[in-house]
Amino acid sequence: MNDFTAAVKAYALAHYEIDGWDYVVETYEDAEILDVIKTARTPAGAIKMMRAHIKPRADYRADIQSEAF
């Protein structure tokens, strides 16, 4: 695990219930995170890239949950 992957995992854990970060904690392995953030130059950039990757899925889940009831 590199420093950027560790930063993403720590951020995901700290923001578990917000914007789909639970997906990262529960389903992403280090190699998968690294594949998403491979062009990042800073930890903040890596987090931003991961957010952009998971946000559509989180939005889709929120849409489904809002229509369920």
PDB file of N, CA and C in Angstrom:
ATOM      1  N   MET A   1       0.849  -1.172   0.000  1.00  0.00           N
ATOM      2  CA  MET A   1       0.000   0.000   0.000  1.00  0.00           C
ATOM      3  C   MET A   1       0.900   1.241   0.000  1.00  0.00           C
ATOM      4  N   ASN A   2       0.589   2.170  -0.889  1.00  0.00           N
ATOM      5  CA  ASN A   2       1.369   3.406  -0.908  1.00  0.00           C
ATOM      6  C   ASN A   2       0.693   4.463  -0.037  1.00  0.00           C
ATOM      7  N   ASP A   3       1.351   5.609   0.113  1.00  0.00           N
ATOM      8  CA  ASP A   3       0.827   6.668   0.984  1.00  0.00           C
ATOM      9  C   ASP A   3      -0.508   7.215   0.491  1.00  0.00           C
ATOM     10  N   PHE A   4      -0.683   7.300  -0.830  1.00  0.00           N
ATOM     11  CA  PHE A   4      -1.930   7.840  -1.367  1.00  0.00           C
ATOM     12  C   PHE A   4      -3.088   6.884  -1.113  1.00  0.00           C
ATOM     13  N   THR A   5      -2.831   5.606  -1.268  1.00  0.00           N
ATOM     14  CA  THR A   5      -3.865   4.606  -0.984  1.00  0.00           C
ATOM     15  C   THR A   5      -4.245   4.663   0.484  1.00  0.00           C
ATOM     16  N   ALA A   6      -3.269   4.793   1.341  1.00  0.00           N
ATOM     17  CA  ALA A   6      -3.530   4.899   2.775  1.00  0.00           C
ATOM     18  C   ALA A   6      -4.346   6.150   3.087  1.00  0.00           C
ATOM     19  N   ALA A   7      -4.047   7.246   2.424  1.00  0.00           N
ATOM     20  CA  ALA A   7      -4.799   8.487   2.635  1.00  0.00           C
ATOM     21  C   ALA A   7      -6.255   8.320   2.210  1.00  0.00           C
ATOM     22  N   VAL A   8      -6.472   7.667   1.077  1.00  0.00           N
ATOM     23  CA  VAL A   8      -7.838   7.424   0.602  1.00  0.00           C
ATOM     24  C   VAL A   8      -8.586   6.527   1.579  1.00  0.00           C
ATOM     25  N   LYS A   9      -7.944   5.476   2.048  1.00  0.00           N
ATOM     26  CA  LYS A   9      -8.597   4.561   2.981  1.00  0.00           C
ATOM     27  C   LYS A   9      -8.921   5.246   4.306  1.00  0.00           C
ATOM     28  N   ALA A  10      -8.017   6.066   4.797  1.00  0.00           N
ATOM     29  CA  ALA A  10      -8.264   6.789   6.046  1.00  0.00           C
ATOM     30  C   ALA A  10      -9.414   7.778   5.880  1.00  0.00           C
ATOM     31  N   TYR A  11      -9.431   8.483   4.753  1.00  0.00           N
ATOM     32  CA  TYR A  11     -10.509   9.430   4.474  1.00  0.00           C
ATOM     33  C   TYR A  11     -11.840   8.688   4.356  1.00  0.00           C
ATOM     34  N   ALA A  12     -11.832   7.563   3.664  1.00  0.00           N
ATOM     35  CA  ALA A  12     -13.061   6.783   3.489  1.00  0.00           C
ATOM     36  C   ALA A  12     -13.603   6.309   4.833  1.00  0.00           C
ATOM     37  N   LEU A  13     -12.734   5.875   5.699  1.00  0.00           N
ATOM     38  CA  LEU A  13     -13.160   5.410   7.016  1.00  0.00           C
ATOM     39  C   LEU A  13     -13.717   6.556   7.849  1.00  0.00           C
ATOM     40  N   ALA A  14     -13.077   7.713   7.781  1.00  0.00           N
ATOM     41  CA  ALA A  14     -13.531   8.880   8.542  1.00  0.00           C
ATOM     42  C   ALA A  14     -14.856   9.437   8.015  1.00  0.00           C
ATOM     43  N   HIS A  15     -15.148   9.177   6.734  1.00  0.00           N
ATOM     44  CA  HIS A  15     -16.368   9.699   6.104  1.00  0.00           C
ATOM     45  C   HIS A  15     -17.268   8.559   5.623  1.00  0.00           C
ATOM     46  N   TYR A  16     -17.288   7.503   6.381  1.00  0.00           N
ATOM     47  CA  TYR A  16     -17.952   6.260   6.004  1.00  0.00           C
ATOM     48  C   TYR A  16     -19.395   6.458   5.541  1.00  0.00           C
ATOM     49  N   GLU A  17     -20.152   7.281   6.211  1.00  0.00           N
ATOM     50  CA  GLU A  17     -21.583   7.415   5.923  1.00  0.00           C
ATOM     51  C   GLU A  17     -21.907   8.571   4.984  1.00  0.00           C
ATOM     52  N   ILE A  18     -20.898   9.123   4.324  1.00  0.00           N
ATOM     53  CA  ILE A  18     -21.096  10.295   3.476  1.00  0.00           C
ATOM     54  C   ILE A  18     -20.682   9.979   2.035  1.00  0.00           C
ATOM     55  N   ASP A  19     -21.532  10.308   1.077  1.00  0.00           N
ATOM     56  CA  ASP A  19     -21.201  10.296  -0.353  1.00  0.00           C
ATOM     57  C   ASP A  19     -20.583   9.006  -0.889  1.00  0.00           C
ATOM     58  N   GLY A  20     -20.951   7.883  -0.336  1.00  0.00           N
ATOM     59  CA  GLY A  20     -20.506   6.617  -0.899  1.00  0.00           C
ATOM     60  C   GLY A  20     -19.151   6.118  -0.442  1.00  0.00           C
ATOM     61  N   TRP A  21     -18.557   6.766   0.543  1.00  0.00           N
ATOM     62  CA  TRP A  21     -17.243   6.305   1.017  1.00  0.00           C
ATOM     63  C   TRP A  21     -17.326   4.921   1.636  1.00  0.00           C
ATOM     64  N   ASP A  22     -18.515   4.504   2.058  1.00  0.00           N
ATOM     65  CA  ASP A  22     -18.673   3.144   2.566  1.00  0.00           C
ATOM     66  C   ASP A  22     -18.349   2.111   1.490  1.00  0.00           C
ATOM     67  N   TYR A  23     -18.603   2.448   0.231  1.00  0.00           N
ATOM     68  CA  TYR A  23     -18.222   1.539  -0.856  1.00  0.00           C
ATOM     69  C   TYR A  23     -16.727   1.268  -0.832  1.00  0.00           C
ATOM     70  N   VAL A  24     -15.957   2.308  -0.616  1.00  0.00           N
ATOM     71  CA  VAL A  24     -14.496   2.162  -0.613  1.00  0.00           C
ATOM     72  C   VAL A  24     -14.075   1.284   0.563  1.00  0.00           C
ATOM     73  N   VAL A  25     -14.620   1.551   1.733  1.00  0.00           N
ATOM     74  CA  VAL A  25     -14.255   0.782   2.926  1.00  0.00           C
ATOM     75  C   VAL A  25     -14.646  -0.686   2.772  1.00  0.00           C
ATOM     76  N   GLU A  26     -15.848  -0.921   2.281  1.00  0.00           N
ATOM     77  CA  GLU A  26     -16.394  -2.272   2.254  1.00  0.00           C
ATOM     78  C   GLU A  26     -15.980  -3.113   1.047  1.00  0.00           C
ATOM     79  N   THR A  27     -15.735  -2.478  -0.094  1.00  0.00           N
ATOM     80  CA  THR A  27     -15.573  -3.299  -1.300  1.00  0.00           C
ATOM     81  C   THR A  27     -14.274  -3.125  -2.067  1.00  0.00           C
ATOM     82  N   TYR A  28     -13.535  -2.056  -1.847  1.00  0.00           N
ATOM     83  CA  TYR A  28     -12.330  -1.816  -2.647  1.00  0.00           C
ATOM     84  C   TYR A  28     -11.085  -2.381  -1.982  1.00  0.00           C
ATOM     85  N   GLU A  29     -10.313  -3.114  -2.761  1.00  0.00           N
ATOM     86  CA  GLU A  29      -9.003  -3.579  -2.305  1.00  0.00           C
ATOM     87  C   GLU A  29      -7.976  -2.510  -2.663  1.00  0.00           C
ATOM     88  N   ASP A  30      -6.812  -2.600  -2.053  1.00  0.00           N
ATOM     89  CA  ASP A  30      -5.764  -1.606  -2.297  1.00  0.00           C
ATOM     90  C   ASP A  30      -5.443  -1.453  -3.779  1.00  0.00           C
ATOM     91  N   ALA A  31      -5.370  -2.565  -4.487  1.00  0.00           N
ATOM     92  CA  ALA A  31      -5.036  -2.515  -5.914  1.00  0.00           C
ATOM     93  C   ALA A  31      -6.115  -1.779  -6.713  1.00  0.00           C
ATOM     94  N   GLU A  32      -7.361  -1.939  -6.319  1.00  0.00           N
ATOM     95  CA  GLU A  32      -8.455  -1.248  -7.009  1.00  0.00           C
ATOM     96  C   GLU A  32      -8.413   0.250  -6.740  1.00  0.00           C
ATOM     97  N   ILE A  33      -8.111   0.615  -5.513  1.00  0.00           N
ATOM     98  CA  ILE A  33      -7.972   2.035  -5.185  1.00  0.00           C
ATOM     99  C   ILE A  33      -6.814   2.621  -5.977  1.00  0.00           C
ATOM    100  N   LEU A  34      -5.704   1.917  -5.982  1.00  0.00           N
ATOM    101  CA  LEU A  34      -4.526   2.388  -6.705  1.00  0.00           C
ATOM    102  C   LEU A  34      -4.810   2.557  -8.194  1.00  0.00           C
ATOM    103  N   ASP A  35      -5.606   1.683  -8.759  1.00  0.00           N
ATOM    104  CA  ASP A  35      -5.957   1.797 -10.172  1.00  0.00           C
ATOM    105  C   ASP A  35      -6.734   3.089 -10.447  1.00  0.00           C
ATOM    106  N   VAL A  36      -7.604   3.474  -9.514  1.00  0.00           N
ATOM    107  CA  VAL A  36      -8.395   4.696  -9.677  1.00  0.00           C
ATOM    108  C   VAL A  36      -7.529   5.942  -9.505  1.00  0.00           C
ATOM    109  N   ILE A  37      -6.582   5.910  -8.573  1.00  0.00           N
ATOM    110  CA  ILE A  37      -5.819   7.105  -8.214  1.00  0.00           C
ATOM    111  C   ILE A  37      -4.413   7.124  -8.793  1.00  0.00           C
ATOM    112  N   LYS A  38      -4.125   6.280  -9.754  1.00  0.00           N
ATOM    113  CA  LYS A  38      -2.751   6.095 -10.228  1.00  0.00           C
ATOM    114  C   LYS A  38      -2.087   7.354 -10.778  1.00  0.00           C
ATOM    115  N   THR A  39      -2.841   8.347 -11.194  1.00  0.00           N
ATOM    116  CA  THR A  39      -2.226   9.562 -11.723  1.00  0.00           C
ATOM    117  C   THR A  39      -2.221  10.711 -10.714  1.00  0.00           C
ATOM    118  N   ALA A  40      -2.638  10.438  -9.488  1.00  0.00           N
ATOM    119  CA  ALA A  40      -2.666  11.483  -8.457  1.00  0.00           C
ATOM    120  C   ALA A  40      -1.246  11.903  -8.088  1.00  0.00           C
ATOM    121  N   ARG A  41      -1.103  13.187  -7.779  1.00  0.00           N
ATOM    122  CA  ARG A  41       0.206  13.711  -7.380  1.00  0.00           C
ATOM    123  C   ARG A  41       0.270  14.096  -5.908  1.00  0.00           C
ATOM    124  N   THR A  42      -0.892  14.151  -5.255  1.00  0.00           N
ATOM    125  CA  THR A  42      -0.947  14.469  -3.827  1.00  0.00           C
ATOM    126  C   THR A  42      -2.015  13.592  -3.173  1.00  0.00           C
ATOM    127  N   PRO A  43      -1.953  13.432  -1.860  1.00  0.00           N
ATOM    128  CA  PRO A  43      -3.023  12.697  -1.181  1.00  0.00           C
ATOM    129  C   PRO A  43      -4.393  13.344  -1.399  1.00  0.00           C
ATOM    130  N   ALA A  44      -4.441  14.675  -1.357  1.00  0.00           N
ATOM    131  CA  ALA A  44      -5.715  15.368  -1.598  1.00  0.00           C
ATOM    132  C   ALA A  44      -6.226  15.099  -3.012  1.00  0.00           C
ATOM    133  N   GLY A  45      -5.319  15.046  -3.961  1.00  0.00           N
ATOM    134  CA  GLY A  45      -5.699  14.733  -5.333  1.00  0.00           C
ATOM    135  C   GLY A  45      -6.222  13.312  -5.460  1.00  0.00           C
ATOM    136  N   ALA A  46      -5.610  12.390  -4.728  1.00  0.00           N
ATOM    137  CA  ALA A  46      -6.065  10.999  -4.743  1.00  0.00           C
ATOM    138  C   ALA A  46      -7.473  10.879  -4.180  1.00  0.00           C
ATOM    139  N   ILE A  47      -7.729  11.606  -3.100  1.00  0.00           N
ATOM    140  CA  ILE A  47      -9.066  11.591  -2.495  1.00  0.00           C
ATOM    141  C   ILE A  47     -10.085  12.182  -3.467  1.00  0.00           C
ATOM    142  N   LYS A  48      -9.717  13.251  -4.126  1.00  0.00           N
ATOM    143  CA  LYS A  48     -10.614  13.877  -5.098  1.00  0.00           C
ATOM    144  C   LYS A  48     -10.920  12.925  -6.255  1.00  0.00           C
ATOM    145  N   MET A  49      -9.919  12.215  -6.726  1.00  0.00           N
ATOM    146  CA  MET A  49     -10.130  11.266  -7.821  1.00  0.00           C
ATOM    147  C   MET A  49     -11.044  10.118  -7.390  1.00  0.00           C
ATOM    148  N   MET A  50     -10.845   9.638  -6.179  1.00  0.00           N
ATOM    149  CA  MET A  50     -11.675   8.550  -5.687  1.00  0.00           C
ATOM    150  C   MET A  50     -13.107   9.025  -5.499  1.00  0.00           C
ATOM    151  N   ARG A  51     -13.267  10.242  -4.998  1.00  0.00           N
ATOM    152  CA  ARG A  51     -14.610  10.820  -4.829  1.00  0.00           C
ATOM    153  C   ARG A  51     -15.331  10.885  -6.176  1.00  0.00           C
ATOM    154  N   ALA A  52     -14.649  11.340  -7.193  1.00  0.00           N
ATOM    155  CA  ALA A  52     -15.249  11.421  -8.529  1.00  0.00           C
ATOM    156  C   ALA A  52     -15.631  10.038  -9.042  1.00  0.00           C
ATOM    157  N   HIS A  53     -14.878   9.037  -8.651  1.00  0.00           N
ATOM    158  CA  HIS A  53     -15.139   7.666  -9.090  1.00  0.00           C
ATOM    159  C   HIS A  53     -16.379   7.077  -8.397  1.00  0.00           C
ATOM    160  N   ILE A  54     -16.528   7.339  -7.103  1.00  0.00           N
ATOM    161  CA  ILE A  54     -17.630   6.716  -6.363  1.00  0.00           C
ATOM    162  C   ILE A  54     -18.898   7.562  -6.304  1.00  0.00           C
ATOM    163  N   LYS A  55     -18.799   8.837  -6.563  1.00  0.00           N
ATOM    164  CA  LYS A  55     -19.951   9.743  -6.441  1.00  0.00           C
ATOM    165  C   LYS A  55     -21.147   9.319  -7.303  1.00  0.00           C
ATOM    166  N   PRO A  56     -20.955   8.956  -8.574  1.00  0.00           N
ATOM    167  CA  PRO A  56     -22.125   8.527  -9.374  1.00  0.00           C
ATOM    168  C   PRO A  56     -22.853   7.331  -8.774  1.00  0.00           C
ATOM    169  N   ARG A  57     -22.114   6.383  -8.241  1.00  0.00           N
ATOM    170  CA  ARG A  57     -22.732   5.211  -7.619  1.00  0.00           C
ATOM    171  C   ARG A  57     -23.499   5.620  -6.364  1.00  0.00           C
ATOM    172  N   ALA A  58     -22.923   6.502  -5.567  1.00  0.00           N
ATOM    173  CA  ALA A  58     -23.603   6.977  -4.361  1.00  0.00           C
ATOM    174  C   ALA A  58     -24.863   7.754  -4.714  1.00  0.00           C
ATOM    175  N   ASP A  59     -24.792   8.574  -5.748  1.00  0.00           N
ATOM    176  CA  ASP A  59     -25.962   9.326  -6.193  1.00  0.00           C
ATOM    177  C   ASP A  59     -27.066   8.388  -6.679  1.00  0.00           C
ATOM    178  N   TYR A  60     -26.700   7.356  -7.408  1.00  0.00           N
ATOM    179  CA  TYR A  60     -27.665   6.381  -7.900  1.00  0.00           C
ATOM    180  C   TYR A  60     -28.347   5.673  -6.732  1.00  0.00           C
ATOM    181  N   ARG A  61     -27.558   5.290  -5.732  1.00  0.00           N
ATOM    182  CA  ARG A  61     -28.126   4.633  -4.556  1.00  0.00           C
ATOM    183  C   ARG A  61     -29.093   5.584  -3.850  1.00  0.00           C
ATOM    184  N   ALA A  62     -28.723   6.839  -3.713  1.00  0.00           N
ATOM    185  CA  ALA A  62     -29.596   7.816  -3.060  1.00  0.00           C
ATOM    186  C   ALA A  62     -30.904   7.992  -3.821  1.00  0.00           C
ATOM    187  N   ASP A  63     -30.836   8.002  -5.140  1.00  0.00           N
ATOM    188  CA  ASP A  63     -32.046   8.100  -5.952  1.00  0.00           C
ATOM    189  C   ASP A  63     -32.975   6.913  -5.720  1.00  0.00           C
ATOM    190  N   ILE A  64     -32.402   5.740  -5.696  1.00  0.00           N
ATOM    191  CA  ILE A  64     -33.204   4.533  -5.471  1.00  0.00           C
ATOM    192  C   ILE A  64     -33.825   4.560  -4.082  1.00  0.00           C
ATOM    193  N   GLN A  65     -33.045   4.941  -3.079  1.00  0.00           N
ATOM    194  CA  GLN A  65     -33.561   4.987  -1.710  1.00  0.00           C
ATOM    195  C   GLN A  65     -34.666   6.021  -1.554  1.00  0.00           C
ATOM    196  N   SER A  66     -34.565   7.120  -2.257  1.00  0.00           N
ATOM    197  CA  SER A  66     -35.582   8.172  -2.122  1.00  0.00           C
ATOM    198  C   SER A  66     -36.908   7.767  -2.775  1.00  0.00           C
ATOM    199  N   GLU A  67     -36.861   6.877  -3.735  1.00  0.00           N
ATOM    200  CA  GLU A  67     -38.076   6.442  -4.417  1.00  0.00           C
ATOM    201  C   GLU A  67     -38.666   5.167  -3.813  1.00  0.00           C
ATOM    202  N   ALA A  68     -37.986   4.556  -2.888  1.00  0.00           N
ATOM    203  CA  ALA A  68     -38.439   3.289  -2.343  1.00  0.00           C
ATOM    204  C   ALA A  68     -39.667   3.427  -1.464  1.00  0.00           C
ATOM    205  N   PHE A  69     -39.892   4.596  -0.912  1.00  0.00           N
ATOM    206  CA  PHE A  69     -41.014   4.753   0.019  1.00  0.00           C
ATOM    207  C   PHE A  69     -41.947   5.821  -0.424  1.00  0.00           C
TER     208      PHE A  69
END
